[in-house]
């Protein structure tokens, strides 16, 4: 969703466009922080399930209401709803057997050539330029906007409210740790390293409040961080996690959704990459420091290290990350 935001920005450079985004219910809260989005349609459609009846019902709700649809996933089923809804212009990458379902498309790039995902999505803005059904023509000046970094905006009031809700003291510096990664252990910095980092930060800066953020699936992992770290994994909504990441002074994240949230907030972080490739899905922020070993075996994109050593992560020591985190924290006051 965050990698698609520059596409939304490119489309919205024409103020006459009304932009509605249909998204899975669990990720839809991210959209409230994107100024380009006028309306959101949350869905409970499941990944990997065809759900023809549910898609037909959604299509009936959309019929006659839209001029153009940009289909971002590559699957056949993702292109069904706009086709069933009779949306005149349906734009996307060709994907799996989508001839006819899409009527304006780009060929999928060769997998070996992985362009940054933001530019992959943003390129779709330029093949949907023709006027249709009252939709305004996109200007080529959107090229610059399409390459901008993803941006989320959280108000000061939301930051304060979320901190207060979880009894986080407003005067203390905050370090956020995001130890999870949905894809698998080959993208997770060892939890023992997160623990060692927390202990070392505390030894240098006892005034820092350290919190762990993530989903309920990350709760057990974060519990290993001990009493120095407040384990909020699974306790926050996505909106609350975003607000707390906006409030935190520093963050250490695996290559995960929360890493991209932190980057879109343009707040300082250390982003740690293992089996994935920061050239494809980097944290797009000048405030982010990316650590990637770039071993001969990486990126392998595996869930579990196929060689069994996981050196791409184990070779990134807490001692290497510590000075970066300390530099991000505000100067201690007596």
Protein backbone atom coordinates (compact mmCIF):
# COMPACT_ATOMS: atom_id res chain seq x y z
CA UNK A 1 0.00 0.00 0.00
CA UNK A 2 2.81 2.40 0.84
CA UNK A 3 4.70 1.55 -2.32
CA UNK A 4 1.55 2.54 -4.26
CA UNK A 5 1.29 5.98 -2.68
CA UNK A 6 3.45 7.76 -5.29
CA UNK A 7 1.04 6.46 -7.95
CA UNK A 8 -1.82 8.02 -5.98
CA UNK A 9 0.16 11.27 -5.75
CA UNK A 10 0.76 11.22 -9.51
CA UNK A 11 -2.94 10.76 -10.19
CA UNK A 12 -3.95 13.42 -7.69
CA UNK A 13 -1.84 16.15 -9.27
CA UNK A 14 -5.06 16.81 -11.17
CA UNK A 15 -7.30 18.17 -8.40
CA UNK A 16 -10.47 17.33 -10.35
CA UNK A 17 -9.86 13.59 -9.88
CA UNK A 18 -11.82 11.96 -7.06
CA UNK A 19 -9.66 9.09 -5.82
CA UNK A 20 -11.19 6.05 -4.11
CA UNK A 21 -9.03 3.14 -2.94
CA UNK A 22 -10.33 -0.37 -2.36
CA UNK A 23 -8.10 -2.22 0.09
CA UNK A 24 -8.08 -5.13 2.50
CA UNK A 25 -9.67 -4.15 5.79
CA UNK A 26 -6.55 -4.83 7.85
CA UNK A 27 -4.39 -2.40 5.84
CA UNK A 28 -7.06 0.21 5.03
CA UNK A 29 -6.20 2.38 8.11
CA UNK A 30 -2.94 3.37 6.39
CA UNK A 31 -5.00 5.25 3.81
CA UNK A 32 -6.35 7.75 6.33
CA UNK A 33 -2.85 9.24 6.52
CA UNK A 34 -2.57 9.70 2.73
CA UNK A 35 -3.78 13.16 1.77
CA UNK A 36 -4.44 12.07 -1.84
CA UNK A 37 -7.20 9.60 -0.90
CA UNK A 38 -10.78 10.91 -0.98
CA UNK A 39 -12.57 7.70 0.00
CA UNK A 40 -11.78 4.14 1.07
CA UNK A 41 -13.66 0.91 0.38
CA UNK A 42 -12.44 -1.72 2.88
CA UNK A 43 -12.88 -5.37 1.89
CA UNK A 44 -12.68 -8.72 3.64
CA UNK A 45 -11.61 -10.54 0.50
CA UNK A 46 -9.07 -13.20 1.40
CA UNK A 47 -5.67 -13.69 -0.15
CA UNK A 48 -5.64 -16.74 -2.41
CA UNK A 49 -9.44 -17.20 -2.46
CA UNK A 50 -11.47 -16.61 -5.62
CA UNK A 51 -14.69 -15.64 -3.77
CA UNK A 52 -16.66 -15.08 -6.97
CA UNK A 53 -19.92 -14.26 -5.18
CA UNK A 54 -18.27 -11.65 -2.92
CA UNK A 55 -16.47 -10.07 -5.87
CA UNK A 56 -19.71 -9.92 -7.86
CA UNK A 57 -21.42 -8.16 -4.93
CA UNK A 58 -18.62 -5.59 -4.76
CA UNK A 59 -18.81 -5.10 -8.50
CA UNK A 60 -22.54 -4.28 -8.26
CA UNK A 61 -21.75 -1.58 -5.67
CA UNK A 62 -19.16 -0.01 -7.99
CA UNK A 63 -21.16 -0.16 -11.22
CA UNK A 64 -21.60 3.24 -12.86
CA UNK A 65 -19.56 5.12 -10.26
CA UNK A 66 -16.03 5.11 -11.70
CA UNK A 67 -14.36 6.05 -14.98
CA UNK A 68 -10.93 4.49 -14.45
CA UNK A 69 -9.57 1.70 -12.26
CA UNK A 70 -5.91 0.96 -11.56
CA UNK A 71 -5.41 -2.70 -10.62
CA UNK A 72 -2.16 -3.12 -8.69
CA UNK A 73 -1.96 -6.83 -7.74
CA UNK A 74 -0.95 -9.16 -10.57
CA UNK A 75 -3.61 -11.80 -9.93
CA UNK A 76 -6.51 -12.70 -12.18
CA UNK A 77 -9.03 -12.35 -9.34
CA UNK A 78 -7.93 -8.79 -8.53
CA UNK A 79 -8.97 -7.72 -12.05
CA UNK A 80 -12.38 -9.37 -11.83
CA UNK A 81 -14.19 -6.67 -9.81
CA UNK A 82 -13.50 -3.70 -12.15
CA UNK A 83 -14.37 -5.87 -15.17
CA UNK A 84 -17.61 -7.10 -13.60
CA UNK A 85 -18.40 -3.52 -12.57
CA UNK A 86 -18.06 -2.36 -16.18
CA UNK A 87 -15.52 0.33 -15.36
CA UNK A 88 -14.60 1.72 -18.82
CA UNK A 89 -10.82 2.01 -18.43
CA UNK A 90 -9.03 -0.74 -16.49
CA UNK A 91 -5.28 -0.25 -16.14
CA UNK A 92 -2.63 -2.62 -14.78
CA UNK A 93 0.22 -5.01 -15.51
CA UNK A 94 -0.74 -7.94 -17.69
CA UNK A 95 -0.32 -10.47 -14.87
CA UNK A 96 -1.83 -13.94 -14.99
CA UNK A 97 -4.21 -14.41 -17.95
CA UNK A 98 -5.78 -10.95 -17.70
CA UNK A 99 -6.30 -10.21 -21.41
CA UNK A 100 -9.74 -8.63 -21.69
CA UNK A 101 -10.10 -7.99 -17.98
CA UNK A 102 -7.64 -5.12 -18.46
CA UNK A 103 -7.89 -2.89 -21.53
CA UNK A 104 -4.83 -0.69 -20.91
CA UNK A 105 -1.79 -2.55 -19.69
CA UNK A 106 1.98 -2.81 -19.41
CA UNK A 107 3.88 -6.10 -19.71
CA UNK A 108 5.23 -7.49 -16.48
CA UNK A 109 8.97 -6.82 -16.11
CA UNK A 110 11.37 -9.74 -16.12
CA UNK A 111 11.69 -11.05 -12.56
CA UNK A 112 15.48 -10.87 -12.69
CA UNK A 113 15.20 -7.10 -13.27
CA UNK A 114 13.66 -5.73 -10.08
CA UNK A 115 13.01 -2.02 -10.34
CA UNK A 116 11.97 -0.17 -7.18
CA UNK A 117 8.36 -1.05 -6.49
CA UNK A 118 7.32 2.61 -6.27
CA UNK A 119 8.35 3.22 -9.87
CA UNK A 120 6.79 -0.11 -10.91
CA UNK A 121 3.39 1.10 -9.71
CA UNK A 122 3.84 4.76 -10.66
CA UNK A 123 4.49 3.82 -14.29
CA UNK A 124 0.81 2.87 -14.57
CA UNK A 125 -0.16 6.56 -14.27
CA UNK A 126 1.15 7.28 -17.76
CA UNK A 127 -0.76 4.63 -19.65
CA UNK A 128 -4.07 5.82 -18.19
CA UNK A 129 -3.73 9.36 -19.51
CA UNK A 130 -6.44 9.49 -22.12
CA UNK A 131 -9.70 11.31 -21.35
CA UNK A 132 -12.55 8.94 -20.65
CA UNK A 133 -15.93 9.42 -19.04
CA UNK A 134 -15.01 12.82 -17.68
CA UNK A 135 -11.72 11.68 -16.16
CA UNK A 136 -9.13 14.43 -16.49
CA UNK A 137 -6.04 13.79 -18.56
CA UNK A 138 -2.88 13.37 -16.55
CA UNK A 139 -0.07 15.77 -17.29
CA UNK A 140 3.44 14.55 -18.01
CA UNK A 141 4.49 16.88 -15.19
CA UNK A 142 3.31 14.11 -12.84
CA UNK A 143 6.58 12.30 -13.58
CA UNK A 144 8.32 14.09 -10.71
CA UNK A 145 5.43 13.44 -8.32
CA UNK A 146 5.38 9.77 -9.23
CA UNK A 147 8.99 9.36 -8.14
CA UNK A 148 8.57 11.06 -4.79
CA UNK A 149 8.89 9.03 -1.63
CA UNK A 150 5.76 7.62 0.02
CA UNK A 151 4.39 10.10 2.55
CA UNK A 152 2.12 9.70 5.57
CA UNK A 153 0.94 12.64 7.67
CA UNK A 154 0.06 12.21 11.36
CA UNK A 155 -1.16 15.19 13.36
CA UNK A 156 0.49 16.29 16.60
CA UNK A 157 -2.76 15.60 18.41
CA UNK A 158 -2.82 11.98 17.22
CA UNK A 159 0.77 11.45 18.38
CA UNK A 160 -0.02 12.81 21.84
CA UNK A 161 -3.28 10.90 22.13
CA UNK A 162 -1.72 7.56 21.21
CA UNK A 163 1.18 8.07 23.60
CA UNK A 164 -1.21 8.92 26.42
CA UNK A 165 -3.42 5.93 25.62
CA UNK A 166 -0.48 3.61 26.26
CA UNK A 167 0.87 5.62 29.21
CA UNK A 168 4.02 6.64 27.37
CA UNK A 169 5.60 9.60 29.12
CA UNK A 170 5.70 12.64 26.85
CA UNK A 171 9.00 14.00 28.12
CA UNK A 172 11.06 10.84 27.57
CA UNK A 173 12.82 9.93 24.31
CA UNK A 174 11.31 6.88 22.64
CA UNK A 175 13.03 4.06 20.77
CA UNK A 176 10.69 1.79 18.79
CA UNK A 177 11.76 -1.75 17.95
CA UNK A 178 9.89 -3.64 15.22
CA UNK A 179 11.17 -7.24 15.54
CA UNK A 180 8.61 -8.93 13.30
CA UNK A 181 8.46 -9.63 9.57
CA UNK A 182 5.47 -11.51 8.24
CA UNK A 183 7.39 -13.18 5.41
CA UNK A 184 9.58 -15.37 7.62
CA UNK A 185 12.70 -15.68 9.81
CA UNK A 186 15.10 -14.90 6.96
CA UNK A 187 13.89 -11.29 7.20
CA UNK A 188 14.09 -11.05 11.01
CA UNK A 189 17.17 -9.75 12.79
CA UNK A 190 17.79 -12.22 15.67
CA UNK A 191 15.66 -11.39 18.69
CA UNK A 192 18.76 -11.88 20.87
CA UNK A 193 20.32 -8.98 18.94
CA UNK A 194 17.28 -6.78 19.55
CA UNK A 195 17.57 -7.64 23.26
CA UNK A 196 21.30 -6.86 23.35
CA UNK A 197 20.66 -3.56 21.59
CA UNK A 198 17.95 -2.62 24.09
CA UNK A 199 20.28 -3.41 26.98
CA UNK A 200 23.12 -1.38 25.46
CA UNK A 201 20.86 1.60 24.73
CA UNK A 202 19.60 1.48 28.32
CA UNK A 203 23.17 1.36 29.63
CA UNK A 204 23.98 4.54 27.70
CA UNK A 205 20.62 6.28 28.04
CA UNK A 206 18.50 5.14 30.97
CA UNK A 207 16.04 7.95 30.19
CA UNK A 208 14.94 6.32 26.92
CA UNK A 209 11.64 4.46 26.84
CA UNK A 210 11.90 1.40 24.59
CA UNK A 211 8.76 -0.05 23.03
CA UNK A 212 8.14 -2.99 20.69
CA UNK A 213 5.55 -2.62 17.96
CA UNK A 214 4.02 -5.24 15.70
CA UNK A 215 1.05 -7.50 15.22
CA UNK A 216 -0.32 -10.11 17.62
CA UNK A 217 1.83 -12.66 15.76
CA UNK A 218 4.93 -10.80 16.97
CA UNK A 219 3.91 -10.78 20.65
CA UNK A 220 5.70 -14.02 21.58
CA UNK A 221 8.92 -12.93 19.85
CA UNK A 222 8.86 -9.50 21.49
CA UNK A 223 8.22 -11.09 24.91
CA UNK A 224 11.83 -12.32 24.77
CA UNK A 225 13.01 -8.72 25.00
CA UNK A 226 12.40 -8.72 28.74
CA UNK A 227 11.37 -5.97 31.17
CA UNK A 228 13.42 -3.19 29.56
CA UNK A 229 11.09 -3.17 26.55
CA UNK A 230 7.35 -2.51 26.69
CA UNK A 231 5.78 -5.14 24.48
CA UNK A 232 2.92 -3.44 22.63
CA UNK A 233 2.79 -6.02 19.83
CA UNK A 234 -0.85 -6.86 19.24
CA UNK A 235 -2.06 -4.24 21.72
CA UNK A 236 -2.27 -1.40 19.22
CA UNK A 237 -4.44 -0.94 16.18
CA UNK A 238 -2.59 -0.20 12.97
CA UNK A 239 -3.56 3.46 13.31
CA UNK A 240 -2.16 3.57 16.85
CA UNK A 241 1.06 1.87 15.76
CA UNK A 242 1.47 4.45 12.99
CA UNK A 243 0.94 7.31 15.46
CA UNK A 244 3.46 5.82 17.92
CA UNK A 245 6.01 5.38 15.13
CA UNK A 246 5.45 9.03 14.25
CA UNK A 247 6.07 9.97 17.89
CA UNK A 248 9.21 7.81 18.41
CA UNK A 249 12.61 9.49 18.15
CA UNK A 250 14.41 6.44 16.75
CA UNK A 251 13.43 3.04 15.40
CA UNK A 252 15.06 -0.24 14.43
CA UNK A 253 13.04 -2.28 11.94
CA UNK A 254 13.28 -5.40 9.86
CA UNK A 255 12.19 -5.21 6.23
CA UNK A 256 8.49 -5.11 7.04
CA UNK A 257 5.34 -3.05 6.69
CA UNK A 258 6.19 -1.02 9.79
CA UNK A 259 9.62 -0.21 8.31
CA UNK A 260 7.87 1.32 5.30
CA UNK A 261 5.46 3.17 7.60
CA UNK A 262 8.38 4.68 9.48
CA UNK A 263 10.04 5.69 6.21
CA UNK A 264 6.82 7.28 4.93
CA UNK A 265 6.68 9.29 8.15
CA UNK A 266 10.23 10.47 7.31
CA UNK A 267 11.51 9.71 10.81
CA UNK A 268 14.99 8.35 11.71
CA UNK A 269 15.39 4.58 11.62
CA UNK A 270 17.83 1.75 11.08
CA UNK A 271 16.37 -0.66 8.53
CA UNK A 272 17.88 -4.15 8.56
CA UNK A 273 17.69 -6.35 5.47
CA UNK A 274 18.35 -10.08 5.28
CA UNK A 275 17.00 -12.23 2.47
CA UNK A 276 15.31 -9.35 0.63
CA UNK A 277 16.75 -6.56 -1.51
CA UNK A 278 16.74 -2.88 -0.49
CA UNK A 279 17.20 -1.94 -4.14
CA UNK A 280 13.68 -3.22 -4.78
CA UNK A 281 11.80 -2.21 -1.62
CA UNK A 282 14.02 0.30 0.21
CA UNK A 283 12.88 2.53 3.05
CA UNK A 284 12.32 5.62 0.91
CA UNK A 285 13.40 8.32 3.32
CA UNK A 286 16.47 10.46 3.78
CA UNK A 287 16.11 9.73 7.50
CA UNK A 288 16.60 5.97 7.07
CA UNK A 289 19.90 4.13 7.38
CA UNK A 290 19.81 0.78 5.57
CA UNK A 291 22.08 -2.09 6.58
CA UNK A 292 22.43 -4.91 4.07
CA UNK A 293 25.39 -7.26 3.95
CA UNK A 294 25.00 -7.96 0.21
CA UNK A 295 26.54 -11.40 0.51
CA UNK A 296 27.19 -13.54 -2.55
CA UNK A 297 24.09 -15.59 -1.69
CA UNK A 298 21.78 -12.61 -1.32
CA UNK A 299 19.16 -11.60 -2.07
CA UNK A 300 17.68 -15.11 -2.01
CA UNK A 301 14.12 -14.01 -1.14
CA UNK A 302 13.72 -17.18 0.93
CA UNK A 303 11.58 -17.41 4.06
CA UNK A 304 14.23 -19.55 5.77
CA UNK A 305 17.96 -19.41 5.01
CA UNK A 306 18.55 -22.17 2.40
CA UNK A 307 22.19 -22.46 3.53
CA UNK A 308 21.35 -22.66 7.21
CA UNK A 309 23.75 -19.95 8.44
CA UNK A 310 21.69 -16.73 8.11
CA UNK A 311 24.91 -14.72 7.97
CA UNK A 312 23.11 -11.90 6.17
CA UNK A 313 21.53 -11.09 9.54
CA UNK A 314 23.87 -12.59 12.13
CA UNK A 315 26.81 -10.61 10.77
CA UNK A 316 24.97 -7.36 11.56
CA UNK A 317 25.90 -7.05 15.23
CA UNK A 318 24.17 -4.92 17.90
CA UNK A 319 27.47 -3.05 18.32
CA UNK A 320 27.16 -1.89 14.72
CA UNK A 321 23.61 -0.63 15.20
CA UNK A 322 24.06 0.97 18.64
CA UNK A 323 25.93 4.18 17.63
CA UNK A 324 23.43 4.78 14.83
CA UNK A 325 20.53 4.61 17.28
CA UNK A 326 22.23 6.78 19.89
CA UNK A 327 22.88 9.46 17.25
CA UNK A 328 19.16 9.56 16.46
CA UNK A 329 18.09 10.21 20.05
CA UNK A 330 17.73 13.76 21.34
CA UNK A 331 20.47 15.03 23.60
CA UNK A 332 19.91 13.96 27.20
CA UNK A 333 18.93 16.71 29.61
CA UNK A 334 19.60 16.72 33.33
